[in-house]
PDB file of N, CA and C in Angstrom:
ATOM      1  N   MET A   1     191.444 -38.933 -83.736  1.00  0.00           N
ATOM      2  CA  MET A   1     191.309 -40.228 -83.774  1.00  0.00           C
ATOM      3  C   MET A   1     191.254 -40.599 -81.728  1.00  0.00           C
ATOM      4  N   GLY A   2     191.551 -41.996 -81.925  1.00  0.00           N
ATOM      5  CA  GLY A   2     190.779 -42.236 -80.667  1.00  0.00           C
ATOM      6  C   GLY A   2     192.617 -41.918 -79.449  1.00  0.00           C
ATOM      7  N   ARG A   3     192.583 -42.298 -78.280  1.00  0.00           N
ATOM      8  CA  ARG A   3     193.750 -42.185 -77.255  1.00  0.00           C
ATOM      9  C   ARG A   3     194.072 -43.689 -77.276  1.00  0.00           C
ATOM     10  N   LYS A   4     195.325 -43.693 -76.829  1.00  0.00           N
ATOM     11  CA  LYS A   4     196.300 -45.156 -77.128  1.00  0.00           C
ATOM     12  C   LYS A   4     195.643 -46.095 -75.583  1.00  0.00           C
ATOM     13  N   MET A   5     194.891 -46.807 -76.037  1.00  0.00           N
ATOM     14  CA  MET A   5     194.645 -47.889 -75.031  1.00  0.00           C
ATOM     15  C   MET A   5     195.529 -49.387 -74.872  1.00  0.00           C
ATOM     16  N   THR A   6     195.388 -49.697 -73.755  1.00  0.00           N
ATOM     17  CA  THR A   6     196.177 -50.631 -73.509  1.00  0.00           C
ATOM     18  C   THR A   6     195.040 -52.170 -74.206  1.00  0.00           C
ATOM     19  N   TRP A   7     195.673 -53.098 -73.895  1.00  0.00           N
ATOM     20  CA  TRP A   7     194.887 -54.568 -74.649  1.00  0.00           C
ATOM     21  C   TRP A   7     193.894 -54.819 -73.529  1.00  0.00           C
ATOM     22  N   GLU A   8     194.186 -54.824 -72.535  1.00  0.00           N
ATOM     23  CA  GLU A   8     193.011 -54.772 -71.955  1.00  0.00           C
ATOM     24  C   GLU A   8     192.058 -54.077 -71.850  1.00  0.00           C
ATOM     25  N   GLU A   9     192.404 -52.561 -71.434  1.00  0.00           N
ATOM     26  CA  GLU A   9     191.203 -51.368 -71.992  1.00  0.00           C
ATOM     27  C   GLU A   9     190.356 -51.987 -73.027  1.00  0.00           C
ATOM     28  N   ILE A  10     190.999 -52.335 -74.139  1.00  0.00           N
ATOM     29  CA  ILE A  10     190.387 -52.721 -75.160  1.00  0.00           C
ATOM     30  C   ILE A  10     189.423 -53.664 -75.206  1.00  0.00           C
ATOM     31  N   LYS A  11     189.722 -54.556 -74.577  1.00  0.00           N
ATOM     32  CA  LYS A  11     189.078 -55.784 -73.881  1.00  0.00           C
ATOM     33  C   LYS A  11     187.617 -55.087 -73.622  1.00  0.00           C
ATOM     34  N   GLN A  12     187.794 -54.309 -72.193  1.00  0.00           N
ATOM     35  CA  GLN A  12     186.538 -54.067 -71.941  1.00  0.00           C
ATOM     36  C   GLN A  12     185.307 -52.916 -72.546  1.00  0.00           C
ATOM     37  N   ALA A  13     186.658 -52.034 -73.579  1.00  0.00           N
ATOM     38  CA  ALA A  13     185.444 -51.143 -74.154  1.00  0.00           C
ATOM     39  C   ALA A  13     184.857 -51.702 -75.105  1.00  0.00           C
ATOM     40  N   PHE A  14     185.121 -52.542 -76.124  1.00  0.00           N
ATOM     41  CA  PHE A  14     184.624 -53.299 -76.724  1.00  0.00           C
ATOM     42  C   PHE A  14     184.837 -54.775 -76.620  1.00  0.00           C
ATOM     43  N   PRO A  15     184.007 -55.367 -76.177  1.00  0.00           N
ATOM     44  CA  PRO A  15     183.433 -56.614 -75.562  1.00  0.00           C
ATOM     45  C   PRO A  15     182.936 -57.473 -76.434  1.00  0.00           C
ATOM     46  N   ASP A  16     183.690 -58.475 -76.917  1.00  0.00           N
ATOM     47  CA  ASP A  16     183.372 -59.773 -78.139  1.00  0.00           C
ATOM     48  C   ASP A  16     182.919 -58.753 -79.645  1.00  0.00           C
ATOM     49  N   GLU A  17     184.225 -58.285 -79.749  1.00  0.00           N
ATOM     50  CA  GLU A  17     184.135 -57.196 -81.275  1.00  0.00           C
ATOM     51  C   GLU A  17     185.156 -57.290 -81.706  1.00  0.00           C
ATOM     52  N   TRP A  18     185.062 -57.353 -83.133  1.00  0.00           N
ATOM     53  CA  TRP A  18     186.574 -56.976 -84.346  1.00  0.00           C
ATOM     54  C   TRP A  18     187.122 -55.765 -83.953  1.00  0.00           C
ATOM     55  N   VAL A  19     188.543 -55.238 -83.788  1.00  0.00           N
ATOM     56  CA  VAL A  19     188.980 -54.253 -83.561  1.00  0.00           C
ATOM     57  C   VAL A  19     189.969 -53.746 -84.484  1.00  0.00           C
ATOM     58  N   ALA A  20     189.887 -52.608 -85.191  1.00  0.00           N
ATOM     59  CA  ALA A  20     191.317 -52.478 -86.113  1.00  0.00           C
ATOM     60  C   ALA A  20     192.225 -51.395 -85.208  1.00  0.00           C
ATOM     61  N   VAL A  21     192.956 -51.935 -84.971  1.00  0.00           N
ATOM     62  CA  VAL A  21     193.894 -51.197 -83.746  1.00  0.00           C
ATOM     63  C   VAL A  21     195.374 -50.328 -84.986  1.00  0.00           C
ATOM     64  N   VAL A  22     195.481 -48.891 -84.914  1.00  0.00           N
ATOM     65  CA  VAL A  22     196.473 -48.415 -85.763  1.00  0.00           C
ATOM     66  C   VAL A  22     197.286 -47.665 -84.488  1.00  0.00           C
ATOM     67  N   ASN A  23     198.609 -47.284 -84.593  1.00  0.00           N
ATOM     68  CA  ASN A  23     200.090 -46.489 -84.135  1.00  0.00           C
ATOM     69  C   ASN A  23     199.981 -47.625 -82.866  1.00  0.00           C
ATOM     70  N   CYS A  24     200.460 -48.821 -83.287  1.00  0.00           N
ATOM     71  CA  CYS A  24     200.773 -49.794 -82.169  1.00  0.00           C
ATOM     72  C   CYS A  24     201.380 -50.510 -81.870  1.00  0.00           C
ATOM     73  N   THR A  25     201.602 -50.962 -80.646  1.00  0.00           N
ATOM     74  CA  THR A  25     202.596 -52.421 -80.121  1.00  0.00           C
ATOM     75  C   THR A  25     201.970 -53.352 -80.037  1.00  0.00           C
ATOM     76  N   GLU A  26     202.664 -54.657 -80.323  1.00  0.00           N
ATOM     77  CA  GLU A  26     202.828 -55.932 -80.241  1.00  0.00           C
ATOM     78  C   GLU A  26     202.885 -56.475 -79.100  1.00  0.00           C
ATOM     79  N   ASN A  27     202.856 -57.388 -78.219  1.00  0.00           N
ATOM     80  CA  ASN A  27     203.861 -58.111 -77.497  1.00  0.00           C
ATOM     81  C   ASN A  27     203.846 -59.170 -77.657  1.00  0.00           C
ATOM     82  N   GLU A  28     204.774 -59.956 -77.188  1.00  0.00           N
ATOM     83  CA  GLU A  28     205.328 -61.315 -77.813  1.00  0.00           C
ATOM     84  C   GLU A  28     204.269 -62.584 -77.548  1.00  0.00           C
ATOM     85  N   ILE A  29     202.998 -62.633 -77.565  1.00  0.00           N
ATOM     86  CA  ILE A  29     201.999 -63.308 -77.611  1.00  0.00           C
ATOM     87  C   ILE A  29     200.799 -62.839 -78.393  1.00  0.00           C
ATOM     88  N   GLY A  30     200.962 -61.654 -79.235  1.00  0.00           N
ATOM     89  CA  GLY A  30     199.992 -60.995 -79.553  1.00  0.00           C
ATOM     90  C   GLY A  30     199.509 -60.163 -79.383  1.00  0.00           C
ATOM     91  N   ASP A  31     199.050 -59.568 -78.142  1.00  0.00           N
ATOM     92  CA  ASP A  31     198.174 -58.751 -77.844  1.00  0.00           C
ATOM     93  C   ASP A  31     198.929 -57.280 -78.092  1.00  0.00           C
ATOM     94  N   VAL A  32     198.190 -56.003 -78.437  1.00  0.00           N
ATOM     95  CA  VAL A  32     198.420 -55.412 -79.037  1.00  0.00           C
ATOM     96  C   VAL A  32     197.726 -53.927 -78.336  1.00  0.00           C
ATOM     97  N   ASP A  33     198.647 -52.673 -78.177  1.00  0.00           N
ATOM     98  CA  ASP A  33     198.276 -51.635 -77.443  1.00  0.00           C
ATOM     99  C   ASP A  33     198.213 -50.743 -78.443  1.00  0.00           C
ATOM    100  N   GLY A  34     197.106 -49.884 -78.537  1.00  0.00           N
ATOM    101  CA  GLY A  34     196.709 -48.525 -79.687  1.00  0.00           C
ATOM    102  C   GLY A  34     195.762 -48.069 -79.909  1.00  0.00           C
ATOM    103  N   GLU A  35     195.434 -47.391 -80.710  1.00  0.00           N
ATOM    104  CA  GLU A  35     194.157 -46.768 -80.920  1.00  0.00           C
ATOM    105  C   GLU A  35     193.042 -47.221 -81.877  1.00  0.00           C
ATOM    106  N   VAL A  36     192.004 -47.479 -81.018  1.00  0.00           N
ATOM    107  CA  VAL A  36     191.089 -48.288 -81.578  1.00  0.00           C
ATOM    108  C   VAL A  36     190.628 -46.932 -82.965  1.00  0.00           C
ATOM    109  N   VAL A  37     190.427 -47.581 -84.363  1.00  0.00           N
ATOM    110  CA  VAL A  37     189.699 -46.346 -84.989  1.00  0.00           C
ATOM    111  C   VAL A  37     188.457 -46.906 -85.580  1.00  0.00           C
ATOM    112  N   PHE A  38     188.298 -48.752 -85.643  1.00  0.00           N
ATOM    113  CA  PHE A  38     186.959 -49.005 -85.755  1.00  0.00           C
ATOM    114  C   PHE A  38     186.790 -50.190 -85.417  1.00  0.00           C
ATOM    115  N   HIS A  39     185.210 -50.385 -85.039  1.00  0.00           N
ATOM    116  CA  HIS A  39     185.026 -51.984 -84.391  1.00  0.00           C
ATOM    117  C   HIS A  39     183.701 -52.354 -84.782  1.00  0.00           C
ATOM    118  N   SER A  40     183.415 -53.473 -84.411  1.00  0.00           N
ATOM    119  CA  SER A  40     182.280 -54.497 -85.239  1.00  0.00           C
ATOM    120  C   SER A  40     182.380 -55.330 -84.353  1.00  0.00           C
ATOM    121  N   HIS A  41     180.642 -56.160 -83.996  1.00  0.00           N
ATOM    122  CA  HIS A  41     180.408 -57.452 -83.370  1.00  0.00           C
ATOM    123  C   HIS A  41     180.375 -58.333 -84.790  1.00  0.00           C
ATOM    124  N   ASP A  42     180.187 -57.875 -85.469  1.00  0.00           N
ATOM    125  CA  ASP A  42     180.176 -58.298 -87.120  1.00  0.00           C
ATOM    126  C   ASP A  42     181.369 -58.675 -87.564  1.00  0.00           C
ATOM    127  N   LYS A  43     182.011 -59.531 -88.025  1.00  0.00           N
ATOM    128  CA  LYS A  43     182.963 -60.235 -88.180  1.00  0.00           C
ATOM    129  C   LYS A  43     183.140 -59.621 -90.011  1.00  0.00           C
ATOM    130  N   SER A  44     182.032 -59.949 -90.448  1.00  0.00           N
ATOM    131  CA  SER A  44     181.942 -59.375 -92.237  1.00  0.00           C
ATOM    132  C   SER A  44     181.964 -58.171 -92.389  1.00  0.00           C
ATOM    133  N   GLU A  45     180.955 -57.307 -91.805  1.00  0.00           N
ATOM    134  CA  GLU A  45     180.830 -56.276 -91.609  1.00  0.00           C
ATOM    135  C   GLU A  45     181.955 -55.171 -91.561  1.00  0.00           C
ATOM    136  N   PHE A  46     183.475 -56.140 -90.166  1.00  0.00           N
ATOM    137  CA  PHE A  46     184.794 -55.057 -90.293  1.00  0.00           C
ATOM    138  C   PHE A  46     185.509 -55.700 -91.356  1.00  0.00           C
ATOM    139  N   TYR A  47     185.430 -56.658 -92.274  1.00  0.00           N
ATOM    140  CA  TYR A  47     186.090 -57.228 -92.897  1.00  0.00           C
ATOM    141  C   TYR A  47     186.007 -56.233 -94.072  1.00  0.00           C
ATOM    142  N   ARG A  48     184.585 -56.073 -94.255  1.00  0.00           N
ATOM    143  CA  ARG A  48     184.372 -55.092 -95.833  1.00  0.00           C
ATOM    144  C   ARG A  48     184.895 -53.851 -95.118  1.00  0.00           C
ATOM    145  N   HIS A  49     184.784 -52.902 -93.585  1.00  0.00           N
ATOM    146  CA  HIS A  49     185.363 -51.538 -94.020  1.00  0.00           C
ATOM    147  C   HIS A  49     187.339 -51.753 -93.497  1.00  0.00           C
ATOM    148  N   ALA A  50     187.527 -52.930 -93.495  1.00  0.00           N
ATOM    149  CA  ALA A  50     189.244 -53.134 -93.458  1.00  0.00           C
ATOM    150  C   ALA A  50     190.101 -52.442 -94.386  1.00  0.00           C
ATOM    151  N   ARG A  51     189.551 -52.420 -95.449  1.00  0.00           N
ATOM    152  CA  ARG A  51     190.169 -51.696 -96.614  1.00  0.00           C
ATOM    153  C   ARG A  51     190.408 -50.144 -96.401  1.00  0.00           C
ATOM    154  N   ASP A  52     189.534 -49.667 -95.570  1.00  0.00           N
ATOM    155  CA  ASP A  52     189.249 -48.315 -95.764  1.00  0.00           C
ATOM    156  C   ASP A  52     190.323 -47.721 -94.563  1.00  0.00           C
ATOM    157  N   VAL A  53     190.485 -48.806 -93.805  1.00  0.00           N
ATOM    158  CA  VAL A  53     190.863 -48.433 -92.604  1.00  0.00           C
ATOM    159  C   VAL A  53     192.401 -48.221 -93.172  1.00  0.00           C
ATOM    160  N   ILE A  54     192.721 -49.566 -93.474  1.00  0.00           N
ATOM    161  CA  ILE A  54     194.410 -49.363 -93.808  1.00  0.00           C
ATOM    162  C   ILE A  54     194.758 -48.851 -94.690  1.00  0.00           C
ATOM    163  N   SER A  55     194.006 -48.176 -95.837  1.00  0.00           N
ATOM    164  CA  SER A  55     194.553 -47.125 -96.665  1.00  0.00           C
ATOM    165  C   SER A  55     194.647 -45.646 -96.516  1.00  0.00           C
ATOM    166  N   LYS A  56     193.520 -45.696 -95.002  1.00  0.00           N
ATOM    167  CA  LYS A  56     193.604 -44.373 -94.244  1.00  0.00           C
ATOM    168  C   LYS A  56     194.594 -44.187 -93.326  1.00  0.00           C
ATOM    169  N   TYR A  57     195.335 -45.077 -92.628  1.00  0.00           N
ATOM    170  CA  TYR A  57     196.219 -45.660 -91.792  1.00  0.00           C
ATOM    171  C   TYR A  57     197.393 -46.030 -92.225  1.00  0.00           C
ATOM    172  N   GLY A  58     197.546 -46.832 -93.515  1.00  0.00           N
ATOM    173  CA  GLY A  58     198.526 -47.564 -94.314  1.00  0.00           C
ATOM    174  C   GLY A  58     198.878 -48.561 -93.218  1.00  0.00           C
ATOM    175  N   GLY A  59     198.397 -49.086 -92.488  1.00  0.00           N
ATOM    176  CA  GLY A  59     198.520 -50.580 -91.795  1.00  0.00           C
ATOM    177  C   GLY A  59     197.970 -50.178 -90.535  1.00  0.00           C
ATOM    178  N   MET A  60     197.662 -51.451 -89.953  1.00  0.00           N
ATOM    179  CA  MET A  60     196.830 -51.576 -88.823  1.00  0.00           C
ATOM    180  C   MET A  60     196.600 -53.188 -88.104  1.00  0.00           C
ATOM    181  N   ALA A  61     196.101 -53.497 -86.848  1.00  0.00           N
ATOM    182  CA  ALA A  61     196.361 -54.760 -86.270  1.00  0.00           C
ATOM    183  C   ALA A  61     194.966 -54.993 -86.570  1.00  0.00           C
ATOM    184  N   MET A  62     194.376 -56.139 -86.679  1.00  0.00           N
ATOM    185  CA  MET A  62     193.246 -56.643 -86.588  1.00  0.00           C
ATOM    186  C   MET A  62     192.959 -57.642 -85.555  1.00  0.00           C
ATOM    187  N   ARG A  63     192.088 -57.641 -84.041  1.00  0.00           N
ATOM    188  CA  ARG A  63     192.232 -58.772 -83.524  1.00  0.00           C
ATOM    189  C   ARG A  63     190.719 -58.990 -83.282  1.00  0.00           C
ATOM    190  N   TYR A  64     190.301 -59.825 -82.420  1.00  0.00           N
ATOM    191  CA  TYR A  64     188.630 -60.294 -81.831  1.00  0.00           C
ATOM    192  C   TYR A  64     189.144 -60.114 -80.365  1.00  0.00           C
ATOM    193  N   THR A  65     188.449 -59.575 -79.776  1.00  0.00           N
ATOM    194  CA  THR A  65     188.313 -59.140 -78.465  1.00  0.00           C
ATOM    195  C   THR A  65     187.702 -60.360 -77.260  1.00  0.00           C
ATOM    196  N   GLY A  66     186.903 -61.316 -78.250  1.00  0.00           N
ATOM    197  CA  GLY A  66     186.307 -62.141 -77.368  1.00  0.00           C
ATOM    198  C   GLY A  66     187.479 -64.019 -77.408  1.00  0.00           C
ATOM    199  N   GLU A  67     186.713 -64.405 -76.478  1.00  0.00           N
ATOM    200  CA  GLU A  67     187.454 -65.922 -76.591  1.00  0.00           C
ATOM    201  C   GLU A  67     187.084 -66.073 -78.245  1.00  0.00           C
ATOM    202  N   LEU A  68     188.115 -67.003 -79.190  1.00  0.00           N
ATOM    203  CA  LEU A  68     188.460 -67.820 -79.882  1.00  0.00           C
ATOM    204  C   LEU A  68     187.625 -69.406 -79.624  1.00  0.00           C
ATOM    205  N   ILE A  69     186.812 -69.882 -81.156  1.00  0.00           N
ATOM    206  CA  ILE A  69     187.012 -71.037 -80.686  1.00  0.00           C
ATOM    207  C   ILE A  69     188.061 -71.980 -80.514  1.00  0.00           C
ATOM    208  N   LYS A  70     188.809 -72.806 -79.580  1.00  0.00           N
ATOM    209  CA  LYS A  70     189.935 -73.281 -79.721  1.00  0.00           C
ATOM    210  C   LYS A  70     189.778 -75.063 -79.888  1.00  0.00           C
ATOM    211  N   ASN A  71     189.798 -75.488 -81.091  1.00  0.00           N
ATOM    212  CA  ASN A  71     189.796 -76.671 -81.440  1.00  0.00           C
ATOM    213  C   ASN A  71     191.081 -77.059 -81.883  1.00  0.00           C
ATOM    214  N   GLU A  72     192.017 -78.108 -81.401  1.00  0.00           N
ATOM    215  CA  GLU A  72     193.290 -78.287 -81.783  1.00  0.00           C
ATOM    216  C   GLU A  72     193.441 -79.172 -82.463  1.00  0.00           C
ATOM    217  N   ASP A  73     192.198 -79.938 -83.283  1.00  0.00           N
ATOM    218  CA  ASP A  73     192.213 -80.685 -84.597  1.00  0.00           C
ATOM    219  C   ASP A  73     192.597 -79.760 -85.989  1.00  0.00           C
ATOM    220  N   ILE A  74     191.969 -78.421 -85.592  1.00  0.00           N
ATOM    221  CA  ILE A  74     192.115 -77.574 -86.798  1.00  0.00           C
ATOM    222  C   ILE A  74     192.985 -76.431 -86.559  1.00  0.00           C
ATOM    223  N   PRO A  75     193.899 -75.765 -87.554  1.00  0.00           N
ATOM    224  CA  PRO A  75     194.471 -74.811 -86.828  1.00  0.00           C
ATOM    225  C   PRO A  75     194.222 -73.767 -86.640  1.00  0.00           C
ATOM    226  N   LEU A  76     194.846 -72.831 -85.933  1.00  0.00           N
ATOM    227  CA  LEU A  76     194.024 -71.745 -85.108  1.00  0.00           C
ATOM    228  C   LEU A  76     193.583 -70.578 -86.295  1.00  0.00           C
ATOM    229  N   LEU A  77     194.400 -70.814 -87.696  1.00  0.00           N
ATOM    230  CA  LEU A  77     194.214 -69.629 -88.208  1.00  0.00           C
ATOM    231  C   LEU A  77     192.901 -70.120 -89.301  1.00  0.00           C
ATOM    232  N   TRP A  78     192.630 -71.368 -89.464  1.00  0.00           N
ATOM    233  CA  TRP A  78     191.363 -71.409 -90.376  1.00  0.00           C
ATOM    234  C   TRP A  78     190.610 -71.262 -89.172  1.00  0.00           C
ATOM    235  N   GLN A  79     190.198 -71.335 -87.697  1.00  0.00           N
ATOM    236  CA  GLN A  79     189.277 -70.811 -87.317  1.00  0.00           C
ATOM    237  C   GLN A  79     188.883 -69.457 -87.209  1.00  0.00           C
ATOM    238  N   ILE A  80     189.969 -68.411 -87.447  1.00  0.00           N
ATOM    239  CA  ILE A  80     189.598 -67.499 -87.201  1.00  0.00           C
ATOM    240  C   ILE A  80     189.826 -66.370 -88.746  1.00  0.00           C
ATOM    241  N   SER A  81     189.994 -67.246 -89.807  1.00  0.00           N
ATOM    242  CA  SER A  81     189.886 -66.353 -90.933  1.00  0.00           C
ATOM    243  C   SER A  81     188.295 -66.224 -91.887  1.00  0.00           C
ATOM    244  N   PRO A  82     188.229 -65.490 -93.022  1.00  0.00           N
ATOM    245  CA  PRO A  82     186.998 -64.881 -93.058  1.00  0.00           C
ATOM    246  C   PRO A  82     186.468 -65.939 -94.240  1.00  0.00           C
ATOM    247  N   THR A  83     185.148 -66.241 -94.154  1.00  0.00           N
ATOM    248  CA  THR A  83     184.551 -67.492 -94.939  1.00  0.00           C
ATOM    249  C   THR A  83     184.013 -66.518 -95.830  1.00  0.00           C
ATOM    250  N   VAL A  84     183.578 -67.355 -97.172  1.00  0.00           N
ATOM    251  CA  VAL A  84     183.071 -66.703 -98.174  1.00  0.00           C
ATOM    252  C   VAL A  84     181.484 -67.281 -98.417  1.00  0.00           C
TER     253      VAL A  84
END
């Protein structure tokens, strides 16, 4: 497994990527520190592999290291949820 990283280190190492973080702690604004066990630029690929990561580690935090689209008319959850 990888080394424990701060959220800032994760964003630098994996810019504009979806990351799966285990053995993590979360601060009050949702940033996580922990070990990155999987990452991908492709959101669909990330979600395809997420189930394997969860079954192997028993849980994880999923975050995007880039800027999310901010539209005040649409709840943030709908902006980052996977589409079919």
